[in-house]
Amino acid sequence: MIKMKQKLDLDIRDPNYTLLREIFKIIDSKETSEILASIGFKKLDKQEF
């Protein structure tokens, strides 16, 4: 079975794009970083994949 990936519409009027942008703002916030650090997560920009 072949799964098709849905293309992300980068139109700023698209509600999915708006929601994704807000999620990224929250994830990137200092408060979120402090919460994640308090439960043992390190900064993602310092992680090696």
Protein backbone atom coordinates (compact mmCIF):
# COMPACT_ATOMS: atom_id res chain seq x y z
CA MET A 1 0.00 0.00 0.00
CA ILE A 2 1.34 3.43 -0.95
CA LYS A 3 0.73 6.31 1.41
CA MET A 4 0.48 9.77 -0.10
CA LYS A 5 1.88 12.67 1.88
CA GLN A 6 -0.30 15.73 2.08
CA LYS A 7 1.39 18.89 0.87
CA LEU A 8 1.52 21.77 3.37
CA ASP A 9 -0.12 24.84 1.90
CA LEU A 10 2.04 27.79 2.91
CA ASP A 11 -0.68 30.34 2.30
CA ILE A 12 -0.88 32.50 5.42
CA ARG A 13 -4.68 32.49 5.14
CA ASP A 14 -4.75 28.70 5.50
CA PRO A 15 -5.98 27.88 9.03
CA ASN A 16 -3.63 24.87 9.27
CA TYR A 17 -0.65 27.10 8.52
CA THR A 18 -1.82 29.62 11.12
CA LEU A 19 -2.18 26.88 13.73
CA LEU A 20 1.26 25.46 12.91
CA ARG A 21 2.82 28.92 13.19
CA GLU A 22 1.27 29.39 16.65
CA ILE A 23 2.48 25.95 17.78
CA PHE A 24 6.03 26.80 16.68
CA LYS A 25 5.86 30.10 18.60
CA ILE A 26 4.85 28.23 21.76
CA ILE A 27 7.53 25.56 21.33
CA ASP A 28 10.18 28.22 20.75
CA SER A 29 9.22 30.29 23.80
CA LYS A 30 11.50 30.69 26.82
CA GLU A 31 8.75 29.48 29.17
CA THR A 32 8.37 26.23 27.22
CA SER A 33 12.15 25.72 27.25
CA GLU A 34 12.17 26.16 31.03
CA ILE A 35 9.33 23.67 31.48
CA LEU A 36 11.02 21.10 29.25
CA ALA A 37 14.35 21.61 31.04
CA SER A 38 12.67 21.05 34.41
CA ILE A 39 11.54 17.59 33.29
CA GLY A 40 14.90 16.63 31.80
CA PHE A 41 14.81 17.72 28.16
CA LYS A 42 17.86 19.48 26.82
CA LYS A 43 17.74 22.27 24.26
CA LEU A 44 16.98 20.89 20.83
CA ASP A 45 19.53 23.10 19.09
CA LYS A 46 22.27 21.36 21.10
CA GLN A 47 21.03 17.83 20.39
CA GLU A 48 22.79 15.57 17.93
CA PHE A 49 20.66 13.43 15.68
